């Protein structure tokens, strides 16, 4: 059972900034690898939306580690996964 992923504008703009920063600091190859890592995490979420850790503060919010320094925050609504930040 695959869910549909919906990206909030905030996520899109922050991801763009992070990828640009990584490219400027570490190079294009590292930035591309990081983007692939994010894509793999999102593919996993499509198939297993409840795999992420529940927030202690907000009951509908979950998170999954994208890397050691970055998390993807999302919520599940019906058949959609809303990527927040």
N, C-alpha and C. Protein backbone atom coordinates (compact mmCIF):
# COMPACT_ATOMS: atom_id res chain seq x y z
N UNK A 1 0.85 -1.17 0.00
CA UNK A 1 0.00 0.00 0.00
C UNK A 1 0.90 1.24 0.00
N UNK A 2 0.91 1.95 -1.11
CA UNK A 2 1.77 3.11 -1.29
C UNK A 2 0.98 4.39 -1.03
N UNK A 3 1.58 5.28 -0.26
CA UNK A 3 0.97 6.57 0.05
C UNK A 3 1.51 7.62 -0.92
N UNK A 4 0.78 8.71 -1.07
CA UNK A 4 1.21 9.83 -1.91
C UNK A 4 1.95 10.84 -1.04
N UNK A 5 3.08 11.32 -1.52
CA UNK A 5 3.86 12.32 -0.78
C UNK A 5 3.51 13.70 -1.29
N UNK A 6 3.22 14.60 -0.35
CA UNK A 6 2.93 16.00 -0.65
C UNK A 6 3.98 16.84 0.06
N UNK A 7 4.65 17.71 -0.68
CA UNK A 7 5.71 18.55 -0.12
C UNK A 7 5.17 19.94 0.21
N UNK A 8 5.38 20.38 1.43
CA UNK A 8 5.07 21.76 1.78
C UNK A 8 6.14 22.65 1.18
N UNK A 9 5.77 23.89 0.88
CA UNK A 9 6.71 24.83 0.28
C UNK A 9 7.94 25.05 1.16
N UNK A 10 7.73 25.07 2.46
CA UNK A 10 8.85 25.28 3.39
C UNK A 10 9.90 24.19 3.22
N UNK A 11 9.47 22.94 3.08
CA UNK A 11 10.41 21.84 2.88
C UNK A 11 11.19 22.03 1.59
N UNK A 12 10.48 22.38 0.53
CA UNK A 12 11.14 22.56 -0.76
C UNK A 12 12.22 23.64 -0.70
N UNK A 13 11.89 24.77 -0.09
CA UNK A 13 12.87 25.86 -0.04
C UNK A 13 14.04 25.53 0.87
N UNK A 14 13.78 24.87 2.00
CA UNK A 14 14.88 24.49 2.89
C UNK A 14 15.78 23.44 2.26
N UNK A 15 15.18 22.48 1.56
CA UNK A 15 15.98 21.46 0.89
C UNK A 15 16.87 22.08 -0.17
N UNK A 16 16.32 23.00 -0.91
CA UNK A 16 17.10 23.69 -1.94
C UNK A 16 18.30 24.43 -1.32
N UNK A 17 18.05 25.11 -0.20
CA UNK A 17 19.14 25.83 0.48
C UNK A 17 20.20 24.88 1.02
N UNK A 18 19.77 23.77 1.59
CA UNK A 18 20.72 22.81 2.14
C UNK A 18 21.56 22.19 1.02
N UNK A 19 20.91 21.81 -0.07
CA UNK A 19 21.66 21.23 -1.18
C UNK A 19 22.66 22.22 -1.78
N UNK A 20 22.27 23.48 -1.88
CA UNK A 20 23.17 24.51 -2.38
C UNK A 20 24.36 24.69 -1.43
N UNK A 21 24.09 24.71 -0.13
CA UNK A 21 25.16 24.83 0.86
C UNK A 21 26.13 23.65 0.76
N UNK A 22 25.59 22.45 0.70
CA UNK A 22 26.43 21.25 0.62
C UNK A 22 27.28 21.29 -0.65
N UNK A 23 26.68 21.71 -1.76
CA UNK A 23 27.43 21.81 -3.01
C UNK A 23 28.56 22.83 -2.90
N UNK A 24 28.28 23.99 -2.32
CA UNK A 24 29.30 25.03 -2.19
C UNK A 24 30.43 24.63 -1.24
N UNK A 25 30.09 23.94 -0.17
CA UNK A 25 31.09 23.57 0.84
C UNK A 25 31.83 22.27 0.52
N UNK A 26 31.14 21.30 -0.08
CA UNK A 26 31.72 19.97 -0.22
C UNK A 26 31.77 19.46 -1.65
N UNK A 27 31.13 20.16 -2.58
CA UNK A 27 31.20 19.77 -3.98
C UNK A 27 29.91 19.17 -4.50
N UNK A 28 29.83 19.13 -5.82
CA UNK A 28 28.63 18.65 -6.51
C UNK A 28 28.35 17.18 -6.22
N UNK A 29 29.39 16.37 -6.20
CA UNK A 29 29.20 14.93 -5.98
C UNK A 29 28.57 14.65 -4.61
N UNK A 30 29.05 15.33 -3.59
CA UNK A 30 28.50 15.14 -2.24
C UNK A 30 27.05 15.62 -2.19
N UNK A 31 26.77 16.73 -2.84
CA UNK A 31 25.40 17.24 -2.89
C UNK A 31 24.47 16.26 -3.59
N UNK A 32 24.93 15.66 -4.68
CA UNK A 32 24.12 14.68 -5.40
C UNK A 32 23.87 13.43 -4.56
N UNK A 33 24.89 12.99 -3.83
CA UNK A 33 24.73 11.83 -2.95
C UNK A 33 23.72 12.12 -1.85
N UNK A 34 23.78 13.33 -1.31
CA UNK A 34 22.84 13.72 -0.26
C UNK A 34 21.41 13.75 -0.81
N UNK A 35 21.24 14.28 -2.02
CA UNK A 35 19.92 14.31 -2.65
C UNK A 35 19.39 12.89 -2.89
N UNK A 36 20.27 11.98 -3.27
CA UNK A 36 19.87 10.59 -3.47
C UNK A 36 19.47 9.95 -2.14
N UNK A 37 20.18 10.29 -1.09
CA UNK A 37 19.87 9.78 0.25
C UNK A 37 18.47 10.24 0.68
N UNK A 38 18.16 11.51 0.43
CA UNK A 38 16.83 12.04 0.74
C UNK A 38 15.77 11.30 -0.09
N UNK A 39 16.04 11.08 -1.35
CA UNK A 39 15.09 10.39 -2.22
C UNK A 39 14.82 8.97 -1.74
N UNK A 40 15.87 8.28 -1.28
CA UNK A 40 15.68 6.93 -0.75
C UNK A 40 14.81 6.93 0.51
N UNK A 41 15.03 7.91 1.37
CA UNK A 41 14.21 8.02 2.59
C UNK A 41 12.76 8.27 2.24
N UNK A 42 12.52 9.12 1.25
CA UNK A 42 11.15 9.42 0.84
C UNK A 42 10.48 8.20 0.21
N UNK A 43 11.23 7.41 -0.53
CA UNK A 43 10.71 6.18 -1.10
C UNK A 43 10.31 5.20 0.00
N UNK A 44 11.14 5.11 1.02
CA UNK A 44 10.83 4.26 2.17
C UNK A 44 9.55 4.74 2.85
N UNK A 45 9.41 6.05 3.01
CA UNK A 45 8.21 6.61 3.63
C UNK A 45 6.96 6.30 2.83
N UNK A 46 7.06 6.33 1.51
CA UNK A 46 5.90 6.01 0.67
C UNK A 46 5.37 4.61 0.98
N UNK A 47 6.28 3.70 1.23
CA UNK A 47 5.90 2.31 1.45
C UNK A 47 5.60 1.99 2.91
N UNK A 48 6.27 2.71 3.82
CA UNK A 48 6.11 2.47 5.26
C UNK A 48 5.97 3.80 6.00
N UNK A 49 4.84 4.45 5.90
CA UNK A 49 4.70 5.80 6.44
C UNK A 49 4.79 5.91 7.97
N UNK A 50 4.60 4.83 8.67
CA UNK A 50 4.63 4.90 10.13
C UNK A 50 5.97 4.45 10.70
N UNK A 51 6.99 4.40 9.86
CA UNK A 51 8.32 3.99 10.29
C UNK A 51 9.01 5.06 11.14
N UNK A 52 8.62 6.31 10.95
CA UNK A 52 9.27 7.41 11.65
C UNK A 52 8.90 7.48 13.13
N UNK A 53 9.74 8.15 13.88
CA UNK A 53 9.54 8.33 15.31
C UNK A 53 8.46 9.37 15.57
N UNK A 54 7.57 9.07 16.50
CA UNK A 54 6.52 10.03 16.87
C UNK A 54 7.11 11.16 17.69
N UNK A 55 6.59 12.34 17.47
CA UNK A 55 7.01 13.51 18.25
C UNK A 55 6.41 13.42 19.65
N UNK A 56 7.20 13.78 20.64
CA UNK A 56 6.71 13.80 22.02
C UNK A 56 5.80 15.01 22.24
N UNK A 57 6.01 16.06 21.48
CA UNK A 57 5.26 17.31 21.64
C UNK A 57 3.98 17.33 20.80
N UNK A 58 4.07 16.93 19.55
CA UNK A 58 2.94 16.97 18.63
C UNK A 58 2.57 15.55 18.22
N UNK A 59 1.38 15.10 18.59
CA UNK A 59 1.03 13.69 18.39
C UNK A 59 0.91 13.27 16.93
N UNK A 60 0.63 14.18 16.02
CA UNK A 60 0.46 13.81 14.60
C UNK A 60 1.75 13.92 13.79
N UNK A 61 2.82 14.40 14.40
CA UNK A 61 4.06 14.65 13.68
C UNK A 61 5.03 13.48 13.92
N UNK A 62 5.69 13.07 12.85
CA UNK A 62 6.70 12.02 12.92
C UNK A 62 7.99 12.55 12.28
N UNK A 63 9.09 11.88 12.56
CA UNK A 63 10.36 12.26 11.94
C UNK A 63 11.16 11.03 11.59
N UNK A 64 11.97 11.20 10.57
CA UNK A 64 12.89 10.15 10.14
C UNK A 64 14.22 10.82 9.83
N UNK A 65 15.31 10.18 10.22
CA UNK A 65 16.63 10.76 10.00
C UNK A 65 16.99 10.69 8.52
N UNK A 66 17.35 11.82 7.96
CA UNK A 66 17.81 11.87 6.58
C UNK A 66 19.32 11.70 6.54
N UNK A 67 19.98 12.15 7.58
CA UNK A 67 21.42 11.99 7.78
C UNK A 67 21.66 12.21 9.27
N UNK A 68 22.90 12.21 9.67
CA UNK A 68 23.19 12.45 11.09
C UNK A 68 22.77 13.85 11.53
N UNK A 69 22.81 14.80 10.62
CA UNK A 69 22.53 16.19 10.95
C UNK A 69 21.12 16.64 10.57
N UNK A 70 20.40 15.88 9.79
CA UNK A 70 19.12 16.33 9.25
C UNK A 70 18.01 15.31 9.45
N UNK A 71 16.83 15.81 9.79
CA UNK A 71 15.64 14.98 9.92
C UNK A 71 14.57 15.49 8.97
N UNK A 72 13.72 14.58 8.54
CA UNK A 72 12.55 14.93 7.75
C UNK A 72 11.35 14.81 8.67
N UNK A 73 10.60 15.89 8.82
CA UNK A 73 9.40 15.90 9.66
C UNK A 73 8.18 15.80 8.76
N UNK A 74 7.23 14.97 9.17
CA UNK A 74 6.06 14.74 8.34
C UNK A 74 4.87 14.32 9.18
N UNK A 75 3.71 14.33 8.55
CA UNK A 75 2.51 13.77 9.18
C UNK A 75 1.77 12.95 8.14
N UNK A 76 1.02 11.97 8.63
CA UNK A 76 0.27 11.08 7.76
C UNK A 76 -1.21 11.43 7.89
N UNK A 77 -1.83 11.70 6.75
CA UNK A 77 -3.26 12.02 6.70
C UNK A 77 -3.90 11.15 5.62
N UNK A 78 -4.76 10.25 6.03
CA UNK A 78 -5.46 9.34 5.11
C UNK A 78 -4.43 8.61 4.25
N UNK A 79 -4.39 8.85 2.96
CA UNK A 79 -3.45 8.18 2.06
C UNK A 79 -2.34 9.11 1.62
N UNK A 80 -2.08 10.17 2.38
CA UNK A 80 -1.03 11.13 2.02
C UNK A 80 -0.03 11.26 3.14
N UNK A 81 1.21 11.53 2.73
CA UNK A 81 2.28 11.87 3.67
C UNK A 81 2.63 13.32 3.38
N UNK A 82 2.43 14.19 4.36
CA UNK A 82 2.71 15.62 4.20
C UNK A 82 4.11 15.87 4.76
N UNK A 83 5.05 16.22 3.89
CA UNK A 83 6.42 16.51 4.31
C UNK A 83 6.45 17.97 4.77
N UNK A 84 6.75 18.17 6.04
CA UNK A 84 6.66 19.50 6.63
C UNK A 84 7.97 20.27 6.60
N UNK A 85 9.03 19.62 7.04
CA UNK A 85 10.28 20.34 7.21
C UNK A 85 11.43 19.37 7.24
